[in-house]
């Protein structure tokens, strides 16, 4: 028997590196994304058990603001506030990844 709390769990990197020598997702931008996911999930009346929350470093800072969606384990990079609704409508509701934001393996 499967015992899961959430149908969809969204982790948003909020790691803020000190010094500025390397990119980081950033606490301010990360929390803006967390809040936008929560707002859009409510506004779109998503009827799945969902959770959007802040996370520590996801290990791929050089790709810009990063989120991970489970249970699939899909990573999106370079995510901006205006991408959130598309991610919910396409990935979460229609099970179609947003190709332009996917983390891609280097050739």
N, C-alpha and C. Protein backbone atom coordinates (compact mmCIF):
# COMPACT_ATOMS: atom_id res chain seq x y z
N UNK A 1 0.83 -1.18 0.00
CA UNK A 1 0.00 0.00 0.00
C UNK A 1 0.88 1.25 0.00
N UNK A 2 0.59 2.16 -0.92
CA UNK A 2 1.37 3.39 -1.02
C UNK A 2 0.91 4.37 0.04
N UNK A 3 1.86 4.97 0.73
CA UNK A 3 1.54 5.92 1.78
C UNK A 3 2.23 7.24 1.47
N UNK A 4 1.56 8.08 0.69
CA UNK A 4 2.17 9.36 0.37
C UNK A 4 1.30 10.49 0.91
N UNK A 5 1.96 11.53 1.34
CA UNK A 5 1.27 12.67 1.90
C UNK A 5 0.82 13.61 0.78
N UNK A 6 1.69 13.81 -0.23
CA UNK A 6 1.40 14.75 -1.31
C UNK A 6 1.41 14.04 -2.65
N UNK A 7 0.53 14.48 -3.53
CA UNK A 7 0.57 14.02 -4.92
C UNK A 7 1.70 14.71 -5.65
N UNK A 8 1.92 15.98 -5.32
CA UNK A 8 2.96 16.79 -5.96
C UNK A 8 3.67 17.59 -4.87
N UNK A 9 4.99 17.50 -4.87
CA UNK A 9 5.80 18.22 -3.89
C UNK A 9 6.79 19.07 -4.67
N UNK A 10 6.73 20.38 -4.48
CA UNK A 10 7.55 21.34 -5.22
C UNK A 10 8.57 21.93 -4.27
N UNK A 11 9.84 21.73 -4.60
CA UNK A 11 10.93 22.28 -3.81
C UNK A 11 11.55 23.43 -4.58
N UNK A 12 11.64 24.59 -3.94
CA UNK A 12 12.20 25.78 -4.58
C UNK A 12 13.48 26.16 -3.85
N UNK A 13 14.58 26.22 -4.59
CA UNK A 13 15.85 26.59 -3.98
C UNK A 13 15.79 28.03 -3.49
N UNK A 14 16.20 28.22 -2.25
CA UNK A 14 16.28 29.56 -1.69
C UNK A 14 17.70 29.83 -1.17
N UNK A 15 18.66 29.02 -1.63
CA UNK A 15 20.03 29.17 -1.16
C UNK A 15 20.60 30.51 -1.61
N UNK A 16 21.25 31.19 -0.67
CA UNK A 16 21.90 32.47 -0.96
C UNK A 16 23.38 32.32 -0.66
N UNK A 17 24.21 32.28 -1.70
CA UNK A 17 25.66 32.18 -1.49
C UNK A 17 26.20 33.53 -1.06
N UNK A 18 27.20 33.49 -0.21
CA UNK A 18 27.84 34.74 0.20
C UNK A 18 28.99 35.06 -0.75
N UNK A 19 29.34 36.30 -0.85
CA UNK A 19 30.49 36.70 -1.64
C UNK A 19 30.18 37.08 -3.07
N UNK A 20 29.17 36.48 -3.67
CA UNK A 20 28.77 36.85 -5.02
C UNK A 20 29.67 36.35 -6.13
N UNK A 21 30.64 35.48 -5.82
CA UNK A 21 31.53 34.99 -6.88
C UNK A 21 30.86 33.93 -7.75
N UNK A 22 29.83 33.29 -7.25
CA UNK A 22 29.07 32.30 -8.02
C UNK A 22 27.59 32.63 -7.94
N UNK A 23 26.86 32.22 -8.95
CA UNK A 23 25.42 32.43 -8.96
C UNK A 23 24.76 31.65 -7.83
N UNK A 24 23.63 32.14 -7.40
CA UNK A 24 22.78 31.38 -6.48
C UNK A 24 21.34 31.76 -6.76
N UNK A 25 20.44 30.91 -6.33
CA UNK A 25 19.01 31.15 -6.58
C UNK A 25 18.52 32.34 -5.77
N UNK A 26 18.99 32.44 -4.56
CA UNK A 26 18.67 33.58 -3.71
C UNK A 26 17.41 33.41 -2.89
N UNK A 27 17.49 33.84 -1.66
CA UNK A 27 16.37 33.72 -0.73
C UNK A 27 15.18 34.54 -1.19
N UNK A 28 15.40 35.79 -1.59
CA UNK A 28 14.29 36.67 -1.97
C UNK A 28 13.56 36.12 -3.20
N UNK A 29 14.31 35.76 -4.23
CA UNK A 29 13.68 35.25 -5.45
C UNK A 29 13.04 33.88 -5.19
N UNK A 30 13.72 33.05 -4.42
CA UNK A 30 13.18 31.73 -4.10
C UNK A 30 11.86 31.83 -3.36
N UNK A 31 11.77 32.71 -2.37
CA UNK A 31 10.53 32.85 -1.62
C UNK A 31 9.43 33.47 -2.49
N UNK A 32 9.82 34.32 -3.42
CA UNK A 32 8.84 34.87 -4.36
C UNK A 32 8.22 33.72 -5.18
N UNK A 33 9.06 32.76 -5.60
CA UNK A 33 8.56 31.61 -6.35
C UNK A 33 7.68 30.70 -5.48
N UNK A 34 8.11 30.45 -4.26
CA UNK A 34 7.29 29.63 -3.34
C UNK A 34 5.91 30.25 -3.19
N UNK A 35 5.87 31.54 -2.94
CA UNK A 35 4.60 32.22 -2.74
C UNK A 35 3.75 32.22 -4.00
N UNK A 36 4.39 32.36 -5.16
CA UNK A 36 3.64 32.34 -6.41
C UNK A 36 3.07 30.95 -6.68
N UNK A 37 3.84 29.89 -6.40
CA UNK A 37 3.30 28.54 -6.55
C UNK A 37 2.09 28.35 -5.65
N UNK A 38 2.17 28.77 -4.41
CA UNK A 38 1.04 28.63 -3.48
C UNK A 38 -0.17 29.40 -4.00
N UNK A 39 0.05 30.61 -4.46
CA UNK A 39 -1.05 31.45 -4.97
C UNK A 39 -1.69 30.81 -6.19
N UNK A 40 -0.87 30.39 -7.16
CA UNK A 40 -1.41 29.82 -8.40
C UNK A 40 -2.10 28.48 -8.16
N UNK A 41 -1.56 27.66 -7.28
CA UNK A 41 -2.21 26.39 -6.97
C UNK A 41 -3.61 26.63 -6.40
N UNK A 42 -3.73 27.66 -5.59
CA UNK A 42 -5.04 28.01 -5.02
C UNK A 42 -5.93 28.63 -6.09
N UNK A 43 -5.41 29.62 -6.83
CA UNK A 43 -6.20 30.32 -7.85
C UNK A 43 -6.70 29.37 -8.94
N UNK A 44 -5.87 28.40 -9.31
CA UNK A 44 -6.25 27.45 -10.36
C UNK A 44 -7.07 26.29 -9.82
N UNK A 45 -7.30 26.30 -8.53
CA UNK A 45 -8.12 25.26 -7.85
C UNK A 45 -7.61 23.85 -8.16
N UNK A 46 -6.32 23.68 -8.01
CA UNK A 46 -5.71 22.37 -8.24
C UNK A 46 -6.22 21.42 -7.17
N UNK A 47 -6.81 20.32 -7.61
CA UNK A 47 -7.44 19.39 -6.69
C UNK A 47 -6.54 18.21 -6.32
N UNK A 48 -5.26 18.43 -6.35
CA UNK A 48 -4.29 17.43 -5.92
C UNK A 48 -3.75 17.87 -4.56
N UNK A 49 -3.24 16.90 -3.81
CA UNK A 49 -2.56 17.26 -2.57
C UNK A 49 -1.18 17.77 -2.96
N UNK A 50 -0.96 19.07 -2.76
CA UNK A 50 0.28 19.69 -3.20
C UNK A 50 0.96 20.42 -2.04
N UNK A 51 2.25 20.58 -2.19
CA UNK A 51 3.01 21.40 -1.25
C UNK A 51 4.13 22.08 -2.03
N UNK A 52 4.23 23.38 -1.87
CA UNK A 52 5.34 24.15 -2.42
C UNK A 52 6.10 24.70 -1.22
N UNK A 53 7.41 24.46 -1.21
CA UNK A 53 8.19 24.89 -0.06
C UNK A 53 9.60 25.26 -0.46
N UNK A 54 10.23 26.03 0.41
CA UNK A 54 11.62 26.41 0.22
C UNK A 54 12.52 25.20 0.47
N UNK A 55 13.64 25.21 -0.20
CA UNK A 55 14.63 24.15 -0.03
C UNK A 55 16.01 24.78 0.02
N UNK A 56 16.93 24.05 0.57
CA UNK A 56 18.32 24.48 0.54
C UNK A 56 18.87 24.28 -0.87
N UNK A 57 20.15 24.37 -1.01
CA UNK A 57 20.79 24.26 -2.31
C UNK A 57 20.45 22.93 -2.98
N UNK A 58 20.03 23.00 -4.23
CA UNK A 58 19.73 21.80 -5.01
C UNK A 58 20.93 21.37 -5.85
N UNK A 59 22.04 22.10 -5.72
CA UNK A 59 23.31 21.68 -6.32
C UNK A 59 23.55 22.08 -7.76
N UNK A 60 22.70 22.90 -8.31
CA UNK A 60 22.89 23.32 -9.71
C UNK A 60 22.69 24.83 -9.84
N UNK A 61 23.36 25.57 -8.98
CA UNK A 61 23.20 27.02 -8.88
C UNK A 61 23.51 27.75 -10.18
N UNK A 62 24.46 27.26 -10.95
CA UNK A 62 24.90 27.96 -12.15
C UNK A 62 23.81 28.06 -13.22
N UNK A 63 22.71 27.36 -13.05
CA UNK A 63 21.62 27.39 -14.02
C UNK A 63 20.51 28.36 -13.64
N UNK A 64 20.70 29.09 -12.57
CA UNK A 64 19.70 30.08 -12.17
C UNK A 64 18.65 29.50 -11.26
N UNK A 65 17.60 30.26 -10.98
CA UNK A 65 16.58 29.80 -10.03
C UNK A 65 16.06 28.41 -10.39
N UNK A 66 16.15 27.50 -9.44
CA UNK A 66 15.88 26.08 -9.67
C UNK A 66 14.74 25.58 -8.80
N UNK A 67 13.91 24.72 -9.40
CA UNK A 67 12.89 24.02 -8.63
C UNK A 67 12.95 22.54 -8.99
N UNK A 68 12.52 21.71 -8.06
CA UNK A 68 12.42 20.27 -8.29
C UNK A 68 10.99 19.85 -7.95
N UNK A 69 10.40 19.06 -8.84
CA UNK A 69 9.04 18.59 -8.62
C UNK A 69 9.07 17.07 -8.46
N UNK A 70 8.50 16.63 -7.35
CA UNK A 70 8.40 15.20 -7.06
C UNK A 70 6.95 14.81 -6.99
N UNK A 71 6.62 13.57 -7.36
CA UNK A 71 7.47 12.39 -7.31
C UNK A 71 8.31 12.14 -8.55
N UNK A 72 8.14 12.91 -9.62
CA UNK A 72 8.88 12.65 -10.86
C UNK A 72 10.38 12.90 -10.74
N UNK A 73 10.77 13.86 -9.91
CA UNK A 73 12.17 14.24 -9.81
C UNK A 73 12.58 15.13 -10.98
N UNK A 74 11.67 15.94 -11.46
CA UNK A 74 11.93 16.84 -12.58
C UNK A 74 12.53 18.14 -12.05
N UNK A 75 13.62 18.57 -12.68
CA UNK A 75 14.27 19.82 -12.31
C UNK A 75 14.05 20.86 -13.39
N UNK A 76 13.60 22.04 -12.95
CA UNK A 76 13.44 23.18 -13.84
C UNK A 76 14.45 24.25 -13.41
N UNK A 77 15.05 24.92 -14.40
CA UNK A 77 16.07 25.93 -14.12
C UNK A 77 15.72 27.24 -14.80
N UNK A 78 16.28 28.30 -14.27
CA UNK A 78 16.01 29.62 -14.82
C UNK A 78 14.57 30.05 -14.63
N UNK A 79 13.93 29.53 -13.60
CA UNK A 79 12.50 29.76 -13.38
C UNK A 79 12.26 31.18 -12.86
N UNK A 80 11.29 31.83 -13.48
CA UNK A 80 10.87 33.17 -13.08
C UNK A 80 9.42 33.11 -12.62
N UNK A 81 8.99 34.14 -11.94
CA UNK A 81 7.63 34.19 -11.40
C UNK A 81 6.59 33.97 -12.49
N UNK A 82 6.81 34.52 -13.67
CA UNK A 82 5.82 34.39 -14.75
C UNK A 82 5.82 33.00 -15.39
N UNK A 83 6.71 32.10 -14.97
CA UNK A 83 6.73 30.71 -15.46
C UNK A 83 5.87 29.78 -14.61
N UNK A 84 5.52 30.21 -13.42
CA UNK A 84 4.86 29.33 -12.45
C UNK A 84 3.52 28.79 -12.96
N UNK A 85 2.68 29.65 -13.48
CA UNK A 85 1.37 29.22 -13.95
C UNK A 85 1.52 28.18 -15.06
N UNK A 86 2.47 28.39 -15.98
CA UNK A 86 2.71 27.44 -17.07
C UNK A 86 3.17 26.09 -16.52
N UNK A 87 4.04 26.11 -15.53
CA UNK A 87 4.52 24.85 -14.94
C UNK A 87 3.35 24.09 -14.31
N UNK A 88 2.50 24.80 -13.60
CA UNK A 88 1.35 24.14 -12.97
C UNK A 88 0.40 23.58 -14.03
N UNK A 89 0.03 24.41 -14.99
CA UNK A 89 -0.94 23.98 -16.00
C UNK A 89 -0.39 22.85 -16.87
N UNK A 90 0.87 22.94 -17.27
CA UNK A 90 1.43 21.94 -18.18
C UNK A 90 1.92 20.70 -17.42
N UNK A 91 2.85 20.89 -16.50
CA UNK A 91 3.49 19.76 -15.82
C UNK A 91 2.57 19.09 -14.81
N UNK A 92 2.02 19.87 -13.90
CA UNK A 92 1.27 19.29 -12.79
C UNK A 92 -0.12 18.81 -13.23
N UNK A 93 -0.80 19.58 -14.05
CA UNK A 93 -2.17 19.22 -14.43
C UNK A 93 -2.24 18.33 -15.68
N UNK A 94 -1.33 18.55 -16.64
CA UNK A 94 -1.40 17.79 -17.89
C UNK A 94 -0.26 16.77 -18.04
N UNK A 95 0.65 16.72 -17.08
CA UNK A 95 1.78 15.78 -17.09
C UNK A 95 2.67 15.96 -18.32
N UNK A 96 2.79 17.21 -18.78
CA UNK A 96 3.66 17.55 -19.91
C UNK A 96 4.72 18.52 -19.41
N UNK A 97 5.97 18.08 -19.35
CA UNK A 97 7.04 18.97 -18.88
C UNK A 97 7.14 20.24 -19.73
N UNK A 98 7.55 21.32 -19.11
CA UNK A 98 7.81 22.58 -19.80
C UNK A 98 9.24 22.49 -20.33
N UNK A 99 9.36 22.06 -21.58
CA UNK A 99 10.66 21.73 -22.17
C UNK A 99 11.69 22.85 -22.06
N UNK A 100 11.29 24.09 -22.30
CA UNK A 100 12.24 25.20 -22.32
C UNK A 100 12.89 25.47 -20.97
N UNK A 101 12.29 24.96 -19.89
CA UNK A 101 12.84 25.19 -18.55
C UNK A 101 13.51 23.95 -17.95
N UNK A 102 13.44 22.84 -18.62
CA UNK A 102 14.02 21.61 -18.08
C UNK A 102 15.53 21.67 -17.97
N UNK A 103 16.05 21.11 -16.89
CA UNK A 103 17.48 20.92 -16.78
C UNK A 103 17.90 19.89 -17.79
N UNK A 104 18.81 20.25 -18.65
CA UNK A 104 19.26 19.33 -19.70
C UNK A 104 20.68 18.89 -19.42
N UNK A 105 20.94 17.62 -19.70
CA UNK A 105 22.30 17.10 -19.53
C UNK A 105 23.21 17.73 -20.58
N UNK A 106 24.43 18.02 -20.20
CA UNK A 106 25.39 18.56 -21.15
C UNK A 106 25.79 17.47 -22.13
N UNK A 107 25.92 17.82 -23.43
CA UNK A 107 26.28 16.79 -24.45
C UNK A 107 27.68 16.26 -24.24
